[in-house]
């Protein structure tokens, strides 16, 4: 009998109404790149247990790293639960679920990868970023193999194996008038679809093309956001507005626009948990609910929200299968209480290339990377971000020069109605400790920027 089965039996024997136990076994290999060389290779093996108890509609949670202590941990959580507030709306943990094997979520080559192979990948990232105009290369490579298991007292018993790989390179140059940098990034689930060379080349290209940036006058511009910067906006500005809890509490800037038009007709924003190679791809969410593809925005209209069990029960609804126990830097954790999150936020590709977008731009900016992105007034949709590297000034359909930093303070509902082009260059993007997304470049009109 496994430790999880023993723990479930113990919870039943002491009279607990419902018990849920999550087990995450993880091998995390991290390569740290500093001063243009591999500075550290670190490997961690983690085994963590998360326990959620529901008794008399009171919910208690606790974690442990020791399987021998699970029964004692359950006893302690049970004692604590008596002093908690009952959640009368709670509708119960799920029962059995059908597990589907999804393409591009597990790679035995990653699970069994050697230390030599890992350092070779990191070195390829460095080598492809090297250039006489580049002074310093920094970055990291993360490779994860994971065993996830969730069981509960209603008979649910779900096991899943997953792999993840993500690399990032930051190339810096002091050759010109001021220091500049460029970023390259790639993430996926299988070794075959990971290109360390492309990461370094992208960082090198952005950095070199940013040398000797010119001041950008404050004013209104057409802005072409490249995929990495779109991912930043999706993670820190867009996604929360479709969280069912935030929506139902009237804290979303679209709370009064359900099923109404909120964007241009060409925009389709999807939570796609079944996309091959998606960092958030999974057939079952982290509570044991089957996942499904959901249009959040369909042809410009607000169509759906996402939720977990707790937030759905609170409003008398069903979970959308978006419970997440988010792990760092990728994958899942044993967090006892999951939150609601999209799995893979995907913007459907358009039919125009980024080069064509540039040719169609009279006065604009090409933005490769955003920093310090956050909602200033979430209810109204106001947000702020800083374009600090990878900026190009566009005049009359041509890139004139690199640009210096600018601050963008704008409004999400306004921006979505002013999208003028959606690119065909869809790419996997994941910000540090943030949401995975799959997105092309976006062009939006009449965006005010302030020179820094």
Protein backbone atom coordinates (compact mmCIF):
# COMPACT_ATOMS: atom_id res chain seq x y z
CA UNK A 1 0.00 0.00 0.00
CA UNK A 2 1.40 3.42 -1.01
CA UNK A 3 1.85 6.34 1.38
CA UNK A 4 -1.07 8.10 -0.30
CA UNK A 5 -3.40 5.11 0.12
CA UNK A 6 -2.42 4.77 3.77
CA UNK A 7 -3.08 8.47 4.31
CA UNK A 8 -6.52 8.26 2.68
CA UNK A 9 -7.44 5.25 4.80
CA UNK A 10 -6.31 7.11 7.89
CA UNK A 11 -8.47 10.12 7.02
CA UNK A 12 -11.50 7.85 6.64
CA UNK A 13 -10.77 6.03 9.90
CA UNK A 14 -10.73 9.25 11.91
CA UNK A 15 -14.00 10.39 10.30
CA UNK A 16 -12.92 13.16 7.92
CA UNK A 17 -15.57 13.88 5.27
CA UNK A 18 -13.19 14.48 2.36
CA UNK A 19 -9.44 14.29 1.94
CA UNK A 20 -7.28 15.21 -1.06
CA UNK A 21 -3.55 14.47 -1.27
CA UNK A 22 -1.18 15.72 -3.95
CA UNK A 23 2.28 14.27 -4.52
CA UNK A 24 4.88 15.97 -6.70
CA UNK A 25 8.24 14.36 -7.39
CA UNK A 26 10.49 16.63 -9.38
CA UNK A 27 14.00 16.62 -10.81
CA UNK A 28 15.07 20.19 -11.57
CA UNK A 29 18.33 20.96 -13.34
CA UNK A 30 19.31 24.62 -13.55
CA UNK A 31 22.28 25.99 -15.45
CA UNK A 32 23.25 29.54 -14.53
CA UNK A 33 25.13 31.57 -17.14
CA UNK A 34 27.18 34.56 -15.98
CA UNK A 35 29.96 36.58 -17.65
CA UNK A 36 29.51 34.65 -20.91
CA UNK A 37 30.21 31.25 -19.37
CA UNK A 38 28.52 28.51 -17.41
CA UNK A 39 28.82 29.54 -13.78
CA UNK A 40 26.82 26.80 -12.07
CA UNK A 41 24.96 23.58 -12.76
CA UNK A 42 22.58 22.67 -9.96
CA UNK A 43 20.29 19.68 -9.67
CA UNK A 44 17.51 19.27 -7.09
CA UNK A 45 15.29 16.29 -6.36
CA UNK A 46 12.09 17.32 -4.60
CA UNK A 47 9.32 15.19 -3.12
CA UNK A 48 6.44 17.14 -1.62
CA UNK A 49 2.96 16.30 -0.35
CA UNK A 50 0.00 18.68 -0.17
CA UNK A 51 -3.08 17.78 1.86
CA UNK A 52 -6.52 19.39 1.79
CA UNK A 53 -9.15 18.28 4.29
CA UNK A 54 -12.84 19.17 4.14
CA UNK A 55 -14.87 18.32 7.22
CA UNK A 56 -18.30 19.76 7.96
CA UNK A 57 -17.61 22.13 5.03
CA UNK A 58 -14.52 23.49 6.79
CA UNK A 59 -11.36 23.43 4.68
CA UNK A 60 -7.91 22.93 6.16
CA UNK A 61 -4.59 22.45 4.38
CA UNK A 62 -1.05 21.46 5.21
CA UNK A 63 2.16 20.31 3.47
CA UNK A 64 4.97 17.89 4.26
CA UNK A 65 8.10 16.52 2.61
CA UNK A 66 8.13 13.30 4.62
CA UNK A 67 5.76 10.46 3.62
CA UNK A 68 6.11 8.85 7.05
CA UNK A 69 4.59 11.97 8.63
CA UNK A 70 1.46 12.22 6.46
CA UNK A 71 -0.87 10.58 8.98
CA UNK A 72 0.38 12.82 11.78
CA UNK A 73 0.07 15.81 9.45
CA UNK A 74 -3.55 14.89 8.73
CA UNK A 75 -4.25 14.66 12.47
CA UNK A 76 -2.82 18.16 13.02
CA UNK A 77 -4.83 19.63 10.13
CA UNK A 78 -7.99 17.94 11.44
CA UNK A 79 -7.51 19.59 14.83
CA UNK A 80 -7.08 22.99 13.20
CA UNK A 81 -10.20 22.58 11.05
CA UNK A 82 -12.55 22.74 14.05
CA UNK A 83 -11.79 26.45 14.49
CA UNK A 84 -12.30 27.35 10.84
CA UNK A 85 -15.31 28.91 9.18
CA UNK A 86 -17.62 26.53 7.34
CA UNK A 87 -17.93 27.04 3.58
CA UNK A 88 -21.57 26.12 3.16
CA UNK A 89 -21.39 26.45 -0.62
CA UNK A 90 -18.75 23.70 -0.96
CA UNK A 91 -19.98 21.00 -3.34
CA UNK A 92 -17.40 18.25 -2.96
CA UNK A 93 -14.16 16.99 -4.48
CA UNK A 94 -14.31 15.33 -7.92
CA UNK A 95 -14.62 11.59 -8.53
CA UNK A 96 -13.05 9.57 -11.33
CA UNK A 97 -11.62 11.35 -14.36
CA UNK A 98 -10.59 10.18 -17.83
CA UNK A 99 -6.92 10.75 -18.58
CA UNK A 100 -5.96 11.44 -22.21
CA UNK A 101 -2.40 11.13 -23.44
CA UNK A 102 -1.61 14.46 -25.06
CA UNK A 103 1.10 14.88 -27.67
CA UNK A 104 4.16 16.88 -26.69
CA UNK A 105 3.95 16.75 -22.88
CA UNK A 106 6.52 14.11 -21.94
CA UNK A 107 9.91 13.27 -23.41
CA UNK A 108 11.94 10.34 -22.14
CA UNK A 109 15.06 12.03 -23.56
CA UNK A 110 14.57 14.92 -21.14
CA UNK A 111 13.83 12.58 -18.25
CA UNK A 112 17.08 10.69 -18.86
CA UNK A 113 19.24 13.59 -20.08
CA UNK A 114 22.85 13.52 -18.89
CA UNK A 115 24.85 16.32 -17.31
CA UNK A 116 27.11 16.49 -20.37
CA UNK A 117 24.13 16.93 -22.69
CA UNK A 118 22.74 19.68 -20.45
CA UNK A 119 25.99 21.66 -20.41
CA UNK A 120 26.30 21.22 -24.19
CA UNK A 121 22.86 22.79 -24.66
CA UNK A 122 23.76 25.73 -22.41
CA UNK A 123 27.08 26.20 -24.20
CA UNK A 124 25.30 26.25 -27.57
CA UNK A 125 23.08 29.03 -26.23
CA UNK A 126 26.19 31.01 -25.28
CA UNK A 127 28.11 30.31 -28.49
CA UNK A 128 25.24 31.40 -30.72
CA UNK A 129 25.01 34.71 -28.84
CA UNK A 130 28.73 35.46 -29.06
CA UNK A 131 29.75 38.42 -31.19
CA UNK A 132 32.51 41.04 -31.10
CA UNK A 133 29.85 43.66 -30.34
CA UNK A 134 28.54 41.69 -27.33
CA UNK A 135 30.29 42.32 -23.99
CA UNK A 136 28.42 40.06 -21.61
CA UNK A 137 26.09 37.10 -21.90
CA UNK A 138 23.92 35.99 -19.00
CA UNK A 139 20.98 33.63 -18.73
CA UNK A 140 19.74 30.28 -17.56
CA UNK A 141 18.57 26.87 -18.69
CA UNK A 142 15.94 24.92 -16.77
CA UNK A 143 15.17 21.26 -17.42
CA UNK A 144 12.46 19.53 -15.39
CA UNK A 145 11.02 16.05 -15.23
CA UNK A 146 8.00 15.59 -12.99
CA UNK A 147 5.75 12.92 -11.55
CA UNK A 148 2.40 14.28 -10.37
CA UNK A 149 -0.21 12.29 -8.46
CA UNK A 150 -3.51 13.32 -6.93
CA UNK A 151 -5.86 11.08 -4.95
CA UNK A 152 -8.95 11.83 -2.90
CA UNK A 153 -11.46 10.05 -0.70
CA UNK A 154 -14.07 10.10 -3.50
CA UNK A 155 -12.07 7.54 -5.48
CA UNK A 156 -10.04 9.86 -7.70
CA UNK A 157 -6.60 8.48 -8.49
CA UNK A 158 -4.73 10.35 -11.20
CA UNK A 159 -1.07 10.09 -12.19
CA UNK A 160 0.83 12.08 -14.77
CA UNK A 161 4.40 12.37 -16.03
CA UNK A 162 5.64 15.60 -17.60
CA UNK A 163 8.80 17.22 -18.87
CA UNK A 164 9.71 20.86 -19.47
CA UNK A 165 12.66 22.75 -20.92
CA UNK A 166 13.18 26.51 -21.01
CA UNK A 167 16.17 28.68 -21.83
CA UNK A 168 16.80 32.40 -21.79
CA UNK A 169 19.80 34.48 -22.87
CA UNK A 170 20.38 38.17 -22.19
CA UNK A 171 23.10 39.68 -24.38
CA UNK A 172 24.53 43.06 -23.35
CA UNK A 173 26.65 45.56 -25.26
CA UNK A 174 28.51 48.67 -24.14
CA UNK A 175 29.77 49.48 -27.62
CA UNK A 176 27.55 52.48 -28.31
CA UNK A 177 26.47 55.63 -26.53
CA UNK A 178 24.67 53.76 -23.73
CA UNK A 179 24.54 50.09 -22.64
CA UNK A 180 21.89 48.05 -24.45
CA UNK A 181 20.66 44.48 -24.26
CA UNK A 182 18.73 41.84 -26.16
CA UNK A 183 16.80 38.79 -25.10
CA UNK A 184 16.34 35.35 -26.60
CA UNK A 185 13.99 32.75 -25.19
CA UNK A 186 12.50 29.36 -25.95
CA UNK A 187 10.37 26.91 -24.00
CA UNK A 188 8.68 23.60 -24.81
CA UNK A 189 8.15 20.06 -23.53
CA UNK A 190 10.39 17.94 -25.76
CA UNK A 191 14.07 18.11 -26.64
CA UNK A 192 13.42 17.76 -30.37
CA UNK A 193 11.55 21.07 -30.52
CA UNK A 194 14.01 23.07 -28.41
CA UNK A 195 16.57 25.22 -30.27
CA UNK A 196 19.40 26.58 -28.08
CA UNK A 197 21.00 28.18 -31.12
CA UNK A 198 17.89 30.23 -31.88
CA UNK A 199 17.85 31.57 -28.31
CA UNK A 200 21.37 32.95 -28.62
CA UNK A 201 20.82 34.29 -32.13
CA UNK A 202 17.65 36.14 -31.09
CA UNK A 203 19.42 37.73 -28.11
CA UNK A 204 22.40 38.72 -30.25
CA UNK A 205 20.24 40.20 -33.01
CA UNK A 206 18.10 42.26 -30.61
CA UNK A 207 21.16 43.56 -28.77
CA UNK A 208 23.19 44.51 -31.86
CA UNK A 209 20.19 46.19 -33.48
CA UNK A 210 19.69 48.22 -30.28
CA UNK A 211 23.16 49.83 -30.28
CA UNK A 212 23.20 53.65 -30.32
CA UNK A 213 19.48 54.13 -29.61
CA UNK A 214 17.86 57.45 -30.39
CA UNK A 215 15.54 59.41 -28.13
CA UNK A 216 11.86 58.75 -28.76
CA UNK A 217 9.66 61.84 -28.53
CA UNK A 218 6.62 61.57 -26.28
CA UNK A 219 3.39 61.18 -28.22
CA UNK A 220 1.08 58.69 -29.90
CA UNK A 221 2.46 55.81 -31.94
CA UNK A 222 1.47 52.63 -33.69
CA UNK A 223 3.19 49.92 -31.66
CA UNK A 224 4.11 46.45 -32.86
CA UNK A 225 4.51 44.23 -29.82
CA UNK A 226 6.68 41.19 -30.55
CA UNK A 227 5.65 37.83 -29.00
CA UNK A 228 7.77 38.12 -25.84
CA UNK A 229 6.25 41.52 -25.00
CA UNK A 230 2.72 40.29 -25.84
CA UNK A 231 3.30 37.43 -23.39
CA UNK A 232 4.16 39.98 -20.71
CA UNK A 233 0.87 41.80 -21.31
CA UNK A 234 -1.13 38.57 -21.32
CA UNK A 235 0.39 37.42 -18.03
CA UNK A 236 0.26 40.66 -16.04
CA UNK A 237 -2.56 42.70 -17.57
CA UNK A 238 -4.98 40.59 -19.61
CA UNK A 239 -5.44 37.19 -17.92
CA UNK A 240 -6.84 38.27 -14.55
CA UNK A 241 -9.84 39.92 -16.22
CA UNK A 242 -11.12 36.48 -17.27
CA UNK A 243 -10.71 34.92 -13.83
CA UNK A 244 -14.25 33.96 -12.75
CA UNK A 245 -13.66 35.12 -9.16
CA UNK A 246 -12.45 38.56 -10.27
CA UNK A 247 -15.20 38.77 -12.88
CA UNK A 248 -17.99 37.86 -10.43
CA UNK A 249 -16.68 40.34 -7.83
CA UNK A 250 -16.92 43.11 -10.47
CA UNK A 251 -13.16 43.68 -10.34
CA UNK A 252 -12.54 42.89 -14.00
CA UNK A 253 -12.55 45.72 -16.51
CA UNK A 254 -14.92 43.49 -18.52
CA UNK A 255 -17.29 42.51 -15.68
CA UNK A 256 -20.16 44.34 -17.37
CA UNK A 257 -19.38 43.12 -20.88
CA UNK A 258 -20.02 39.37 -20.81
CA UNK A 259 -20.90 38.15 -24.33
CA UNK A 260 -20.41 41.69 -25.62
CA UNK A 261 -17.81 43.01 -28.02
CA UNK A 262 -14.57 43.95 -26.22
CA UNK A 263 -12.01 43.74 -29.05
CA UNK A 264 -11.58 43.82 -32.79
CA UNK A 265 -13.32 40.99 -34.63
CA UNK A 266 -10.00 39.43 -35.68
CA UNK A 267 -8.93 38.76 -32.09
CA UNK A 268 -9.40 35.28 -30.66
CA UNK A 269 -7.97 34.62 -27.19
CA UNK A 270 -8.11 30.97 -26.13
CA UNK A 271 -7.15 28.98 -23.09
CA UNK A 272 -5.79 25.89 -24.82
CA UNK A 273 -4.74 23.12 -22.39
CA UNK A 274 -4.25 20.60 -25.20
CA UNK A 275 -1.72 22.45 -27.38
CA UNK A 276 1.33 20.31 -28.21
CA UNK A 277 4.51 21.62 -26.55
CA UNK A 278 2.56 24.12 -24.42
CA UNK A 279 4.14 24.63 -20.99
CA UNK A 280 0.67 24.50 -19.39
CA UNK A 281 -0.67 21.63 -21.50
CA UNK A 282 -2.50 18.92 -19.48
CA UNK A 283 -5.57 16.74 -19.92
CA UNK A 284 -6.62 17.02 -16.27
CA UNK A 285 -6.32 20.08 -14.04
CA UNK A 286 -4.64 20.07 -10.63
CA UNK A 287 -7.86 19.17 -8.80
CA UNK A 288 -8.77 16.25 -11.05
CA UNK A 289 -11.21 17.97 -13.42
CA UNK A 290 -10.92 17.27 -17.14
CA UNK A 291 -9.60 20.26 -19.06
CA UNK A 292 -11.10 21.72 -22.21
CA UNK A 293 -10.28 24.34 -24.79
CA UNK A 294 -12.13 27.59 -24.03
CA UNK A 295 -12.52 30.78 -26.01
CA UNK A 296 -12.13 33.73 -23.65
CA UNK A 297 -12.47 36.15 -26.55
CA UNK A 298 -14.07 34.86 -29.77
CA UNK A 299 -14.19 37.14 -32.80
CA UNK A 300 -13.80 40.08 -30.45
CA UNK A 301 -16.56 39.01 -28.05
CA UNK A 302 -16.15 38.11 -24.37
CA UNK A 303 -17.23 34.45 -24.26
CA UNK A 304 -15.87 32.65 -21.18
CA UNK A 305 -14.08 32.87 -17.85
CA UNK A 306 -11.90 30.29 -16.09
CA UNK A 307 -12.30 28.89 -12.57
CA UNK A 308 -11.49 26.20 -10.03
CA UNK A 309 -13.86 24.25 -7.74
CA UNK A 310 -13.89 26.65 -4.78
CA UNK A 311 -14.59 29.83 -6.76
CA UNK A 312 -17.20 28.09 -8.91
CA UNK A 313 -19.07 26.53 -5.97
CA UNK A 314 -19.17 29.91 -4.29
CA UNK A 315 -21.31 31.23 -7.14
CA UNK A 316 -23.29 28.02 -7.70
CA UNK A 317 -21.39 27.11 -10.87
CA UNK A 318 -19.20 24.26 -12.14
CA UNK A 319 -15.42 24.40 -12.40
CA UNK A 320 -14.03 25.09 -15.86
CA UNK A 321 -11.09 22.77 -15.12
CA UNK A 322 -8.58 25.53 -14.44
CA UNK A 323 -7.30 24.64 -10.98
CA UNK A 324 -3.56 25.24 -10.85
CA UNK A 325 -0.85 24.33 -8.35
CA UNK A 326 1.84 26.31 -10.10
CA UNK A 327 5.43 25.24 -9.59
CA UNK A 328 8.67 27.16 -10.12
CA UNK A 329 10.27 27.60 -12.57
CA UNK A 330 7.76 25.40 -14.45
CA UNK A 331 5.40 22.52 -13.87
CA UNK A 332 3.33 21.81 -10.77
CA UNK A 333 3.72 22.06 -7.01
CA UNK A 334 2.14 20.38 -3.99
CA UNK A 335 0.40 23.57 -2.90
CA UNK A 336 -2.63 22.25 -0.95
CA UNK A 337 -5.03 24.97 -2.09
CA UNK A 338 -5.05 25.47 -5.88
CA UNK A 339 -5.84 28.76 -7.57
CA UNK A 340 -7.63 29.40 -10.88
CA UNK A 341 -5.36 30.11 -13.84
CA UNK A 342 -5.40 29.63 -17.61
CA UNK A 343 -3.26 26.73 -18.82
CA UNK A 344 -1.93 28.17 -22.10
CA UNK A 345 -3.18 31.60 -23.14
CA UNK A 346 -3.17 31.53 -26.91
CA UNK A 347 -3.82 34.29 -29.41
CA UNK A 348 -4.73 32.77 -32.76
CA UNK A 349 -2.35 33.71 -35.55
CA UNK A 350 -3.27 36.23 -38.19
CA UNK A 351 -2.22 36.19 -41.83
CA UNK A 352 0.35 38.99 -41.90
CA UNK A 353 4.08 38.84 -41.29
CA UNK A 354 5.88 41.18 -38.91
CA UNK A 355 7.78 42.60 -41.87
CA UNK A 356 4.47 43.50 -43.55
CA UNK A 357 3.29 45.13 -40.32
CA UNK A 358 6.39 47.33 -40.37
CA UNK A 359 5.85 48.28 -44.04
CA UNK A 360 2.28 49.35 -43.19
CA UNK A 361 3.40 51.60 -40.31
CA UNK A 362 3.89 55.31 -40.86
CA UNK A 363 4.95 56.39 -37.34
CA UNK A 364 5.54 53.59 -34.93
CA UNK A 365 7.65 51.52 -32.59
CA UNK A 366 8.65 47.88 -32.64
CA UNK A 367 8.86 46.62 -29.03
CA UNK A 368 10.67 43.38 -28.30
CA UNK A 369 10.57 43.39 -24.53
CA UNK A 370 8.58 44.94 -21.69
CA UNK A 371 9.52 45.45 -18.05
CA UNK A 372 7.61 46.44 -14.91
CA UNK A 373 4.22 45.58 -16.36
CA UNK A 374 1.28 45.90 -13.96
CA UNK A 375 -2.32 47.04 -13.71
CA UNK A 376 -2.58 50.61 -12.39
CA UNK A 377 -6.37 50.53 -12.09
CA UNK A 378 -7.58 46.95 -12.75
CA UNK A 379 -11.29 47.80 -12.68
CA UNK A 380 -10.88 50.39 -15.43
CA UNK A 381 -8.19 48.40 -17.23
CA UNK A 382 -5.44 51.01 -16.94
CA UNK A 383 -1.93 49.56 -17.02
CA UNK A 384 1.68 50.67 -17.11
CA UNK A 385 4.80 49.10 -18.61
CA UNK A 386 8.28 50.11 -19.71
CA UNK A 387 9.84 49.30 -23.06
CA UNK A 388 13.51 49.20 -22.08
CA UNK A 389 15.29 47.13 -24.70
CA UNK A 390 14.70 45.83 -28.20
CA UNK A 391 12.96 49.02 -29.37
CA UNK A 392 13.02 50.14 -33.01
CA UNK A 393 11.74 53.43 -34.38
CA UNK A 394 9.61 53.00 -37.52
CA UNK A 395 9.09 55.81 -40.02
CA UNK A 396 7.23 55.48 -43.32
CA UNK A 397 7.35 51.70 -43.37
CA UNK A 398 11.00 51.30 -42.48
CA UNK A 399 13.00 50.80 -39.30
CA UNK A 400 14.92 54.06 -38.95
CA UNK A 401 16.96 53.39 -35.81
CA UNK A 402 16.93 51.72 -32.42
CA UNK A 403 15.07 53.63 -29.72
CA UNK A 404 15.69 54.56 -26.10
CA UNK A 405 13.40 53.52 -23.25
CA UNK A 406 9.82 54.73 -23.07
CA UNK A 407 7.02 54.29 -20.59
CA UNK A 408 3.63 53.15 -21.82
CA UNK A 409 0.56 54.02 -19.74
CA UNK A 410 -2.53 52.81 -21.52
CA UNK A 411 -5.95 51.20 -21.17
CA UNK A 412 -6.64 47.54 -21.98
CA UNK A 413 -10.22 47.89 -23.35
CA UNK A 414 -9.04 50.75 -25.55
CA UNK A 415 -6.03 48.82 -26.80
CA UNK A 416 -8.06 45.71 -27.69
CA UNK A 417 -10.38 47.86 -29.81
CA UNK A 418 -7.38 49.42 -31.57
CA UNK A 419 -5.54 46.28 -32.67
CA UNK A 420 -4.84 46.78 -36.36
CA UNK A 421 -2.87 43.62 -37.19
CA UNK A 422 -2.20 40.14 -35.80
CA UNK A 423 0.97 38.42 -36.95
CA UNK A 424 1.58 34.93 -38.27
CA UNK A 425 4.71 34.40 -36.11
CA UNK A 426 3.14 32.52 -33.18
CA UNK A 427 5.63 31.54 -30.45
CA UNK A 428 5.70 29.85 -27.03
CA UNK A 429 6.42 32.41 -24.32
CA UNK A 430 6.75 32.12 -20.57
CA UNK A 431 7.76 34.95 -18.27
CA UNK A 432 9.69 34.13 -15.10
CA UNK A 433 7.36 32.44 -12.57
CA UNK A 434 4.40 33.45 -14.70
CA UNK A 435 1.77 32.22 -17.13
CA UNK A 436 2.68 30.34 -20.30
CA UNK A 437 1.31 31.77 -23.51
CA UNK A 438 1.39 31.14 -27.24
CA UNK A 439 1.19 34.33 -29.21
CA UNK A 440 2.19 36.13 -32.41
CA UNK A 441 3.12 39.80 -32.72
CA UNK A 442 0.32 42.35 -32.30
CA UNK A 443 0.04 45.84 -33.73
CA UNK A 444 -2.06 48.43 -31.89
CA UNK A 445 -2.80 52.03 -32.81
CA UNK A 446 -2.85 55.37 -30.97
CA UNK A 447 -0.76 54.34 -27.98
CA UNK A 448 0.73 57.16 -25.92
CA UNK A 449 4.33 56.83 -24.81
CA UNK A 450 6.42 59.02 -22.53
CA UNK A 451 10.11 59.45 -23.14
CA UNK A 452 12.32 58.43 -20.23
